[in-house]
Amino acid sequence: MATLFIVCRLANADEQPLLTLEAATQKVIQDNPDLAQTLARAKAMAAIPSQEGSLPDPQITFNAMSLPTNSFSTRQEDMTQIGFGLSQGIPFPGKLALREQAALYEAEAATLNADELRLRLLSDVKTLWWQVFYLDRTVEIVDNNHKLLQQFVDIARSKYEVGEGLQQDVLLAQLELSKLLDQKINLNGMRRSTVAKLNALLDQPANHWLQLPAQLALNLPEIKPEDRLYQQAEVSRPMLESDRQGIHAAQSKLELAHKDFLPDFNVEAAYGARNNMLDGTRRSDLLSLGVSMNVPIFAASKQAKAVDQRTSELMQQRYALQDRWNAVRSEITQSHSDYQRAKQQFVLFDTGIIPQARQTVASMLAGYQVNKVDFLNLVRSQITLFEYETQYWKAFTEAQQALAQLCANVGEDEIYE
């Protein structure tokens, strides 16, 4: 494990609240509008199953039957009655349960989709945070190199003034200083763009200034082998479980499509109240009972086609799960490989290349001061050191970004040995 403790200094002189990586991840979970709307959708989906599992609302009817239009009297005609009725639709046994079951699976899938989005947002925030960190480090390296090259300019000018140096050495150093200023302009522009993206995820104004902590303890831990990460992802990745819930929902809908060949029923009861006739004849009230059902006479073009549709949807869900599983394993392997490569590069730069490059620069500077090394080689050695230091921080940042992506790919943070 390679461990490094560094001190970060940002160019902005104004004191700003520090945005730690932990604070950024907490804020995106609390404030991100995309996650909020996905959670709201999952909550809405959770309210559907009980609706799908309930009977249709009963119908109540009121009527005046056979009312004479010449008098509107309820006692004039023998058939006149004031009635009210009640009817209730009853799906064939098992249909409501299947509808509720399918809705439950879809609601669970919606919740899992919100969990998947949460993982992706955490990965995106970590990736952008480390990118800002890298840009800050690179700007710091540019500033340090600018100071060193300025010292080279002063040395070259002093030697030129006493006749021991060349004017072209001074001009060459000034040119390199201008190049560093150009790089700093580009880096600051990249930082503003990256901060704008990070602010968007954190639900903040795009131009909101972000300042990273002054001190960070950084390390690159050992991670589990790919096969073990595959096993974890198979049970932990929300996206995979969401696809499994989609398969269950499609299976329930297929079973429901088969049941649609069976009729649904409607039970009715009506009561008719009749007044006595005008001549005093007493009339009995009437009670009507009835049961009706639909007849699937168009089954070949309707119910059978629905079964075909649901069968194809079930197959589509199964293929989608297999394709997703292949993609997840590919993502894990890619992130795993990226991390191992970046970690090895970081260790190589930390323990070998950069110390050697610094020794080379110090040796050439001492040689130049006694006219044993030409100025061009001295500048080249410093530029090479600058490039190595930049690659050093790039390797570290890419390793951290790969870890963030690997956690999202696996579906949990337990990826370390």
Protein backbone atom coordinates (compact mmCIF):
# COMPACT_ATOMS: atom_id res chain seq x y z
CA MET A 1 0.00 0.00 0.00
CA ALA A 2 1.38 3.38 -1.02
CA THR A 3 0.50 6.15 1.44
CA LEU A 4 1.15 9.85 1.10
CA PHE A 5 0.28 12.86 3.23
CA ILE A 6 0.08 16.15 1.42
CA VAL A 7 -0.88 19.75 2.03
CA CYS A 8 -3.18 21.40 -0.50
CA ARG A 9 -3.14 25.12 -1.22
CA LEU A 10 -5.67 26.74 -3.55
CA ALA A 11 -5.11 29.92 -5.47
CA ASN A 12 -8.29 31.58 -4.22
CA ALA A 13 -7.40 33.87 -1.33
CA ASP A 14 -10.94 34.15 0.01
CA GLU A 15 -11.81 31.76 2.80
CA GLN A 16 -14.51 29.36 1.67
CA PRO A 17 -16.16 26.43 3.43
CA LEU A 18 -14.16 23.31 2.67
CA LEU A 19 -15.83 20.64 0.58
CA THR A 20 -14.51 17.29 1.73
CA LEU A 21 -15.18 14.17 -0.28
CA GLU A 22 -17.47 12.88 2.45
CA ALA A 23 -19.42 16.15 2.53
CA ALA A 24 -19.82 16.08 -1.26
CA THR A 25 -21.20 12.53 -1.22
CA GLN A 26 -23.63 13.37 1.59
CA LYS A 27 -24.82 16.50 -0.17
CA VAL A 28 -25.51 14.76 -3.47
CA ILE A 29 -27.67 12.19 -1.66
CA GLN A 30 -29.60 14.90 0.15
CA ASP A 31 -29.96 17.56 -2.53
CA ASN A 32 -29.66 16.06 -6.02
CA PRO A 33 -32.95 16.72 -7.87
CA ASP A 34 -32.57 13.75 -10.20
CA LEU A 35 -32.38 11.39 -7.25
CA ALA A 36 -35.27 13.19 -5.56
CA GLN A 37 -37.53 12.72 -8.57
CA THR A 38 -36.52 9.07 -8.90
CA LEU A 39 -37.34 8.47 -5.25
CA ALA A 40 -40.67 10.23 -5.73
CA ARG A 41 -41.42 7.95 -8.66
CA ALA A 42 -40.55 4.90 -6.57
CA LYS A 43 -42.88 6.15 -3.83
CA ALA A 44 -45.64 6.62 -6.40
CA MET A 45 -45.06 3.11 -7.75
CA ALA A 46 -45.32 1.72 -4.21
CA ALA A 47 -48.90 3.02 -4.02
CA ILE A 48 -50.02 1.05 -7.09
CA PRO A 49 -50.13 -2.61 -5.85
CA SER A 50 -53.00 -2.10 -3.41
CA GLN A 51 -54.96 -0.38 -6.17
CA GLU A 52 -54.37 -3.24 -8.58
CA GLY A 53 -55.36 -5.82 -5.95
CA SER A 54 -58.67 -4.17 -5.05
CA LEU A 55 -62.07 -4.99 -6.51
CA PRO A 56 -63.62 -2.50 -8.92
CA ASP A 57 -65.78 0.11 -7.20
CA PRO A 58 -69.40 -1.10 -6.84
CA GLN A 59 -72.13 0.78 -8.69
CA ILE A 60 -75.31 2.07 -7.07
CA THR A 61 -78.29 2.93 -9.26
CA PHE A 62 -81.55 4.83 -8.62
CA ASN A 63 -84.44 4.91 -11.07
CA ALA A 64 -88.12 5.55 -11.56
CA MET A 65 -89.50 2.80 -13.80
CA SER A 66 -92.62 3.03 -15.98
CA LEU A 67 -93.58 6.48 -14.70
CA PRO A 68 -96.62 7.83 -16.63
CA THR A 69 -95.82 11.07 -18.41
CA ASN A 70 -99.38 12.44 -18.22
CA SER A 71 -99.39 12.63 -14.43
CA PHE A 72 -96.02 11.39 -13.17
CA SER A 73 -97.96 9.58 -10.47
CA THR A 74 -96.43 6.52 -8.85
CA ARG A 75 -99.90 5.08 -8.10
CA GLN A 76 -101.53 5.27 -11.51
CA GLU A 77 -99.85 2.36 -13.35
CA ASP A 78 -99.33 -1.13 -12.02
CA MET A 79 -95.72 -1.39 -13.30
CA THR A 80 -94.58 1.94 -11.85
CA GLN A 81 -91.92 1.59 -9.19
CA ILE A 82 -89.11 3.55 -7.56
CA GLY A 83 -86.02 1.38 -7.56
CA PHE A 84 -82.43 1.28 -6.46
CA GLY A 85 -79.78 -1.32 -7.15
CA LEU A 86 -76.27 -2.41 -6.39
CA SER A 87 -73.79 -4.14 -8.73
CA GLN A 88 -70.27 -5.41 -8.18
CA GLY A 89 -67.75 -6.52 -10.77
CA ILE A 90 -65.73 -9.59 -9.71
CA PRO A 91 -62.71 -10.63 -11.79
CA PHE A 92 -62.11 -14.35 -12.17
CA PRO A 93 -60.37 -15.73 -9.07
CA GLY A 94 -56.61 -15.17 -9.21
CA LYS A 95 -56.61 -12.16 -11.54
CA LEU A 96 -56.49 -9.52 -8.83
CA ALA A 97 -53.67 -11.32 -7.03
CA LEU A 98 -51.61 -11.48 -10.25
CA ARG A 99 -52.19 -7.79 -10.98
CA GLU A 100 -51.12 -6.85 -7.47
CA GLN A 101 -48.11 -9.16 -7.69
CA ALA A 102 -46.93 -7.63 -10.97
CA ALA A 103 -47.32 -4.13 -9.52
CA LEU A 104 -45.35 -5.14 -6.42
CA TYR A 105 -42.47 -6.36 -8.55
CA GLU A 106 -42.51 -3.15 -10.60
CA ALA A 107 -42.58 -1.03 -7.43
CA GLU A 108 -39.60 -2.94 -6.06
CA ALA A 109 -37.79 -2.43 -9.38
CA ALA A 110 -38.45 1.31 -9.15
CA THR A 111 -36.93 1.41 -5.65
CA LEU A 112 -33.90 -0.52 -6.90
CA ASN A 113 -33.55 1.91 -9.81
CA ALA A 114 -33.34 4.73 -7.26
CA ASP A 115 -30.60 2.78 -5.45
CA GLU A 116 -28.77 2.36 -8.76
CA LEU A 117 -29.00 6.08 -9.44
CA ARG A 118 -27.65 6.77 -5.96
CA LEU A 119 -24.59 4.64 -6.72
CA ARG A 120 -24.03 6.37 -10.05
CA LEU A 121 -24.31 9.82 -8.49
CA LEU A 122 -21.83 8.90 -5.77
CA SER A 123 -19.42 7.65 -8.42
CA ASP A 124 -19.87 10.78 -10.54
CA VAL A 125 -19.37 13.11 -7.57
CA LYS A 126 -16.24 11.27 -6.45
CA THR A 127 -14.87 11.28 -10.00
CA LEU A 128 -15.40 15.04 -10.38
CA TRP A 129 -14.09 15.78 -6.88
CA TRP A 130 -10.86 13.94 -7.58
CA GLN A 131 -10.60 15.69 -10.94
CA VAL A 132 -10.75 19.06 -9.18
CA PHE A 133 -8.14 17.75 -6.74
CA TYR A 134 -5.86 16.78 -9.63
CA LEU A 135 -6.26 20.16 -11.30
CA ASP A 136 -5.39 21.91 -8.03
CA ARG A 137 -2.29 19.80 -7.69
CA THR A 138 -1.27 20.51 -11.27
CA VAL A 139 -1.75 24.26 -10.81
CA GLU A 140 0.41 24.00 -7.70
CA ILE A 141 3.11 22.21 -9.71
CA VAL A 142 2.93 24.90 -12.40
CA ASP A 143 3.40 27.61 -9.78
CA ASN A 144 6.37 25.80 -8.28
CA ASN A 145 7.97 25.30 -11.69
CA HIS A 146 7.35 28.93 -12.50
CA LYS A 147 9.34 29.92 -9.42
CA LEU A 148 12.17 27.53 -10.32
CA LEU A 149 12.35 28.71 -13.91
CA GLN A 150 12.36 32.28 -12.67
CA GLN A 151 15.42 31.35 -10.64
CA PHE A 152 16.96 29.89 -13.81
CA VAL A 153 16.27 33.19 -15.59
CA ASP A 154 17.96 35.12 -12.80
CA ILE A 155 21.00 32.80 -12.92
CA ALA A 156 21.22 32.98 -16.72
CA ARG A 157 20.89 36.76 -16.65
CA SER A 158 23.59 37.08 -14.02
CA LYS A 159 25.96 34.89 -16.04
CA TYR A 160 25.14 36.83 -19.20
CA GLU A 161 25.86 40.15 -17.50
CA VAL A 162 29.34 38.99 -16.47
CA GLY A 163 30.03 37.53 -19.90
CA GLU A 164 29.81 33.88 -18.91
CA GLY A 165 26.41 33.12 -20.39
CA LEU A 166 24.38 33.58 -23.57
CA GLN A 167 21.44 35.87 -24.17
CA GLN A 168 19.59 32.99 -25.81
CA ASP A 169 19.58 31.19 -22.46
CA VAL A 170 17.65 34.07 -20.93
CA LEU A 171 15.21 34.16 -23.84
CA LEU A 172 14.72 30.37 -23.68
CA ALA A 173 13.87 30.50 -19.97
CA GLN A 174 11.44 33.38 -20.52
CA LEU A 175 9.74 31.37 -23.29
CA GLU A 176 9.27 28.42 -20.94
CA LEU A 177 7.82 30.79 -18.35
CA SER A 178 5.27 31.97 -20.90
CA LYS A 179 4.36 28.36 -21.70
CA LEU A 180 3.74 27.70 -18.01
CA LEU A 181 1.44 30.72 -17.83
CA ASP A 182 -0.49 29.36 -20.81
CA GLN A 183 -0.82 25.98 -19.11
CA LYS A 184 -2.09 27.63 -15.96
CA ILE A 185 -4.76 29.49 -17.94
CA ASN A 186 -5.93 26.19 -19.47
CA LEU A 187 -5.89 24.43 -16.09
CA ASN A 188 -7.95 27.16 -14.45
CA GLY A 189 -10.45 26.94 -17.29
CA MET A 190 -10.69 23.18 -16.88
CA ARG A 191 -11.18 23.60 -13.15
CA ARG A 192 -14.08 26.02 -13.63
CA SER A 193 -15.72 23.61 -16.07
CA THR A 194 -15.27 20.64 -13.73
CA VAL A 195 -16.54 22.60 -10.73
CA ALA A 196 -19.62 23.61 -12.74
CA LYS A 197 -20.43 19.93 -13.38
CA LEU A 198 -19.88 19.08 -9.72
CA ASN A 199 -22.08 21.97 -8.61
CA ALA A 200 -24.85 20.76 -10.91
CA LEU A 201 -24.84 17.38 -9.17
CA LEU A 202 -24.84 19.09 -5.77
CA ASP A 203 -27.77 21.36 -6.75
CA GLN A 204 -25.67 24.50 -6.45
CA PRO A 205 -25.10 27.45 -8.83
CA ALA A 206 -22.61 26.52 -11.55
CA ASN A 207 -20.28 29.37 -10.57
CA HIS A 208 -20.28 28.50 -6.87
CA TRP A 209 -16.66 28.43 -5.71
CA LEU A 210 -15.46 25.14 -4.25
CA GLN A 211 -12.39 24.84 -2.06
CA LEU A 212 -10.92 21.46 -1.18
CA PRO A 213 -9.44 20.65 2.25
CA ALA A 214 -5.99 21.95 3.15
CA GLN A 215 -4.83 18.54 4.38
CA LEU A 216 -5.66 15.08 3.10
CA ALA A 217 -4.37 11.64 3.97
CA LEU A 218 -4.22 9.68 0.72
CA ASN A 219 -3.73 5.97 0.21
CA LEU A 220 -4.18 3.28 -2.41
CA PRO A 221 -5.45 0.09 -0.71
CA GLU A 222 -5.44 -3.47 -1.97
CA ILE A 223 -8.67 -4.59 -3.61
CA LYS A 224 -10.30 -7.98 -4.02
CA PRO A 225 -9.72 -10.07 -7.17
CA GLU A 226 -12.21 -9.81 -10.00
CA ASP A 227 -13.96 -13.14 -9.41
CA ARG A 228 -14.88 -12.20 -5.86
CA LEU A 229 -16.12 -8.83 -7.04
CA TYR A 230 -18.29 -10.61 -9.63
CA GLN A 231 -19.88 -12.64 -6.85
CA GLN A 232 -20.55 -9.53 -4.80
CA ALA A 233 -22.05 -7.68 -7.74
CA GLU A 234 -24.40 -10.55 -8.52
CA VAL A 235 -26.16 -10.05 -5.20
CA SER A 236 -25.42 -6.39 -4.45
CA ARG A 237 -25.85 -4.49 -7.71
CA PRO A 238 -29.33 -2.86 -7.63
CA MET A 239 -29.57 -2.74 -11.42
CA LEU A 240 -29.29 -6.53 -11.68
CA GLU A 241 -31.90 -7.09 -8.97
CA SER A 242 -34.16 -4.56 -10.69
CA ASP A 243 -33.95 -6.61 -13.88
CA ARG A 244 -34.81 -9.74 -11.91
CA GLN A 245 -37.87 -7.98 -10.51
CA GLY A 246 -38.76 -7.03 -14.07
CA ILE A 247 -38.65 -10.72 -15.00
CA HIS A 248 -40.95 -11.59 -12.10
CA ALA A 249 -43.36 -8.83 -13.13
CA ALA A 250 -43.35 -10.06 -16.74
CA GLN A 251 -44.02 -13.63 -15.55
CA SER A 252 -47.00 -12.45 -13.48
CA LYS A 253 -48.37 -10.52 -16.47
CA LEU A 254 -48.01 -13.62 -18.64
CA GLU A 255 -49.96 -15.69 -16.12
CA LEU A 256 -52.59 -12.96 -16.03
CA ALA A 257 -52.81 -12.99 -19.84
CA HIS A 258 -53.56 -16.74 -19.69
CA LYS A 259 -56.30 -16.09 -17.11
CA ASP A 260 -57.89 -13.46 -19.36
CA PHE A 261 -59.35 -16.37 -21.37
CA LEU A 262 -61.62 -16.92 -18.34
CA PRO A 263 -64.65 -14.67 -17.83
CA ASP A 264 -65.14 -11.93 -15.28
CA PHE A 265 -68.44 -11.67 -13.42
CA ASN A 266 -70.86 -8.94 -12.44
CA VAL A 267 -73.31 -9.51 -9.55
CA GLU A 268 -76.41 -7.31 -9.38
CA ALA A 269 -79.24 -6.78 -6.91
CA ALA A 270 -82.14 -4.32 -7.38
CA TYR A 271 -85.14 -3.41 -5.24
CA GLY A 272 -88.27 -1.79 -6.64
CA ALA A 273 -90.68 -0.01 -4.24
CA ARG A 274 -94.33 0.35 -5.42
CA ASN A 275 -97.08 2.48 -3.88
CA ASN A 276 -100.67 1.34 -3.56
CA MET A 277 -102.93 1.91 -6.54
CA LEU A 278 -105.41 4.79 -6.64
CA ASP A 279 -108.26 2.35 -5.95
CA GLY A 280 -106.47 1.19 -2.79
CA THR A 281 -105.14 -2.06 -4.24
CA ARG A 282 -101.97 -2.97 -2.36
CA ARG A 283 -98.92 -3.85 -4.51
CA SER A 284 -95.91 -5.87 -3.43
CA ASP A 285 -92.40 -4.49 -3.79
CA LEU A 286 -90.06 -6.25 -6.26
CA LEU A 287 -86.58 -7.73 -5.83
CA SER A 288 -84.31 -8.50 -8.80
CA LEU A 289 -81.09 -10.55 -8.68
CA GLY A 290 -78.68 -11.24 -11.52
CA VAL A 291 -75.25 -12.47 -12.53
CA SER A 292 -73.55 -11.58 -15.82
CA MET A 293 -70.20 -12.45 -17.35
CA ASN A 294 -68.16 -11.46 -20.36
CA VAL A 295 -67.67 -14.02 -23.12
CA PRO A 296 -64.20 -14.02 -24.79
CA ILE A 297 -65.44 -14.81 -28.29
CA PHE A 298 -62.59 -12.82 -29.90
CA ALA A 299 -59.91 -14.80 -28.08
CA ALA A 300 -57.87 -15.54 -31.23
CA SER A 301 -57.34 -11.84 -32.01
CA LYS A 302 -57.36 -10.50 -28.46
CA GLN A 303 -56.47 -12.80 -25.54
CA ALA A 304 -54.20 -15.06 -27.60
CA LYS A 305 -52.32 -12.05 -28.94
CA ALA A 306 -51.97 -10.72 -25.39
CA VAL A 307 -50.35 -14.02 -24.40
CA ASP A 308 -47.93 -13.68 -27.33
CA GLN A 309 -47.15 -10.13 -26.26
CA ARG A 310 -46.47 -11.06 -22.64
CA THR A 311 -44.35 -14.05 -23.69
CA SER A 312 -42.15 -11.80 -25.82
CA GLU A 313 -41.90 -9.26 -23.01
CA LEU A 314 -40.76 -11.99 -20.63
CA MET A 315 -38.08 -13.12 -23.07
CA GLN A 316 -36.98 -9.52 -23.55
CA GLN A 317 -36.56 -9.11 -19.79
CA ARG A 318 -34.49 -12.28 -19.56
CA TYR A 319 -32.22 -11.22 -22.41
CA ALA A 320 -31.88 -7.77 -20.83
CA LEU A 321 -30.72 -9.31 -17.55
CA GLN A 322 -28.12 -11.44 -19.31
CA ASP A 323 -26.87 -8.47 -21.31
CA ARG A 324 -26.72 -6.35 -18.16
CA TRP A 325 -24.77 -9.03 -16.29
CA ASN A 326 -22.23 -9.21 -19.11
CA ALA A 327 -21.90 -5.42 -19.04
CA VAL A 328 -21.46 -5.35 -15.25
CA ARG A 329 -18.65 -7.91 -15.38
CA SER A 330 -16.99 -5.95 -18.17
CA GLU A 331 -17.24 -2.73 -16.14
CA ILE A 332 -15.77 -4.43 -13.07
CA THR A 333 -12.85 -5.81 -15.07
CA GLN A 334 -12.21 -2.44 -16.70
CA SER A 335 -12.28 -0.52 -13.41
CA HIS A 336 -10.19 -3.20 -11.71
CA SER A 337 -7.59 -3.00 -14.48
CA ASP A 338 -7.60 0.81 -14.46
CA TYR A 339 -7.00 0.85 -10.72
CA GLN A 340 -4.15 -1.65 -10.79
CA ARG A 341 -2.47 0.16 -13.68
CA ALA A 342 -2.81 3.60 -12.06
CA LYS A 343 -1.64 2.28 -8.70
CA GLN A 344 1.48 0.74 -10.22
CA GLN A 345 2.25 3.95 -12.08
CA PHE A 346 1.75 5.99 -8.91
CA VAL A 347 4.12 3.80 -6.93
CA LEU A 348 6.68 3.89 -9.75
CA PHE A 349 6.60 7.68 -9.94
CA ASP A 350 6.66 7.99 -6.14
CA THR A 351 9.55 5.66 -5.45
CA GLY A 352 11.61 5.80 -8.62
CA ILE A 353 11.06 8.25 -11.42
CA ILE A 354 10.43 11.49 -9.56
CA PRO A 355 13.29 11.16 -7.01
CA GLN A 356 15.64 10.36 -9.88
CA ALA A 357 14.35 13.29 -11.93
CA ARG A 358 14.81 15.66 -9.00
CA GLN A 359 18.37 14.46 -8.52
CA THR A 360 18.99 15.03 -12.22
CA VAL A 361 17.69 18.60 -12.05
CA ALA A 362 19.79 19.37 -8.97
CA SER A 363 22.88 17.89 -10.62
CA MET A 364 22.36 19.82 -13.85
CA LEU A 365 21.73 23.06 -11.99
CA ALA A 366 25.01 22.64 -10.12
CA GLY A 367 26.78 21.79 -13.39
CA TYR A 368 25.30 24.81 -15.17
CA GLN A 369 26.47 27.17 -12.47
CA VAL A 370 30.06 26.02 -13.10
CA ASN A 371 29.64 25.97 -16.92
CA LYS A 372 29.69 22.17 -17.23
CA VAL A 373 26.06 21.82 -18.42
CA ASP A 374 24.41 23.89 -21.11
CA PHE A 375 21.25 25.82 -20.24
CA LEU A 376 19.03 23.95 -22.72
CA ASN A 377 19.66 20.60 -20.99
CA LEU A 378 18.98 22.20 -17.61
CA VAL A 379 15.61 23.54 -18.79
CA ARG A 380 14.73 20.24 -20.42
CA SER A 381 15.43 18.36 -17.22
CA GLN A 382 13.15 20.72 -15.27
CA ILE A 383 10.39 20.38 -17.87
CA THR A 384 10.74 16.60 -17.70
CA LEU A 385 10.39 16.74 -13.91
CA PHE A 386 7.29 18.90 -14.31
CA GLU A 387 5.76 16.31 -16.64
CA TYR A 388 6.58 13.46 -14.26
CA GLU A 389 5.05 15.27 -11.29
CA THR A 390 1.92 15.93 -13.32
CA GLN A 391 1.70 12.28 -14.38
CA TYR A 392 2.25 11.29 -10.75
CA TRP A 393 -0.87 13.14 -9.63
CA LYS A 394 -2.78 12.01 -12.69
CA ALA A 395 -2.03 8.37 -11.81
CA PHE A 396 -3.17 8.90 -8.23
CA THR A 397 -6.36 10.65 -9.33
CA GLU A 398 -7.18 7.97 -11.88
CA ALA A 399 -6.69 5.31 -9.21
CA GLN A 400 -9.16 7.06 -6.92
CA GLN A 401 -11.63 7.53 -9.76
CA ALA A 402 -11.32 3.86 -10.66
CA LEU A 403 -12.12 2.95 -7.04
CA ALA A 404 -15.22 5.15 -7.16
CA GLN A 405 -16.38 3.50 -10.37
CA LEU A 406 -15.57 0.03 -9.04
CA CYS A 407 -17.74 0.59 -5.95
CA ALA A 408 -20.62 1.63 -8.20
CA ASN A 409 -20.06 -1.36 -10.51
CA VAL A 410 -20.06 -3.83 -7.61
CA GLY A 411 -22.94 -2.13 -5.82
CA GLU A 412 -21.23 -1.68 -2.45
CA ASP A 413 -18.07 -0.26 -0.87
CA GLU A 414 -16.75 -3.58 0.48
CA ILE A 415 -14.24 -4.10 -2.31
CA TYR A 416 -11.04 -4.04 -0.28
CA GLU A 417 -8.95 -6.89 1.05
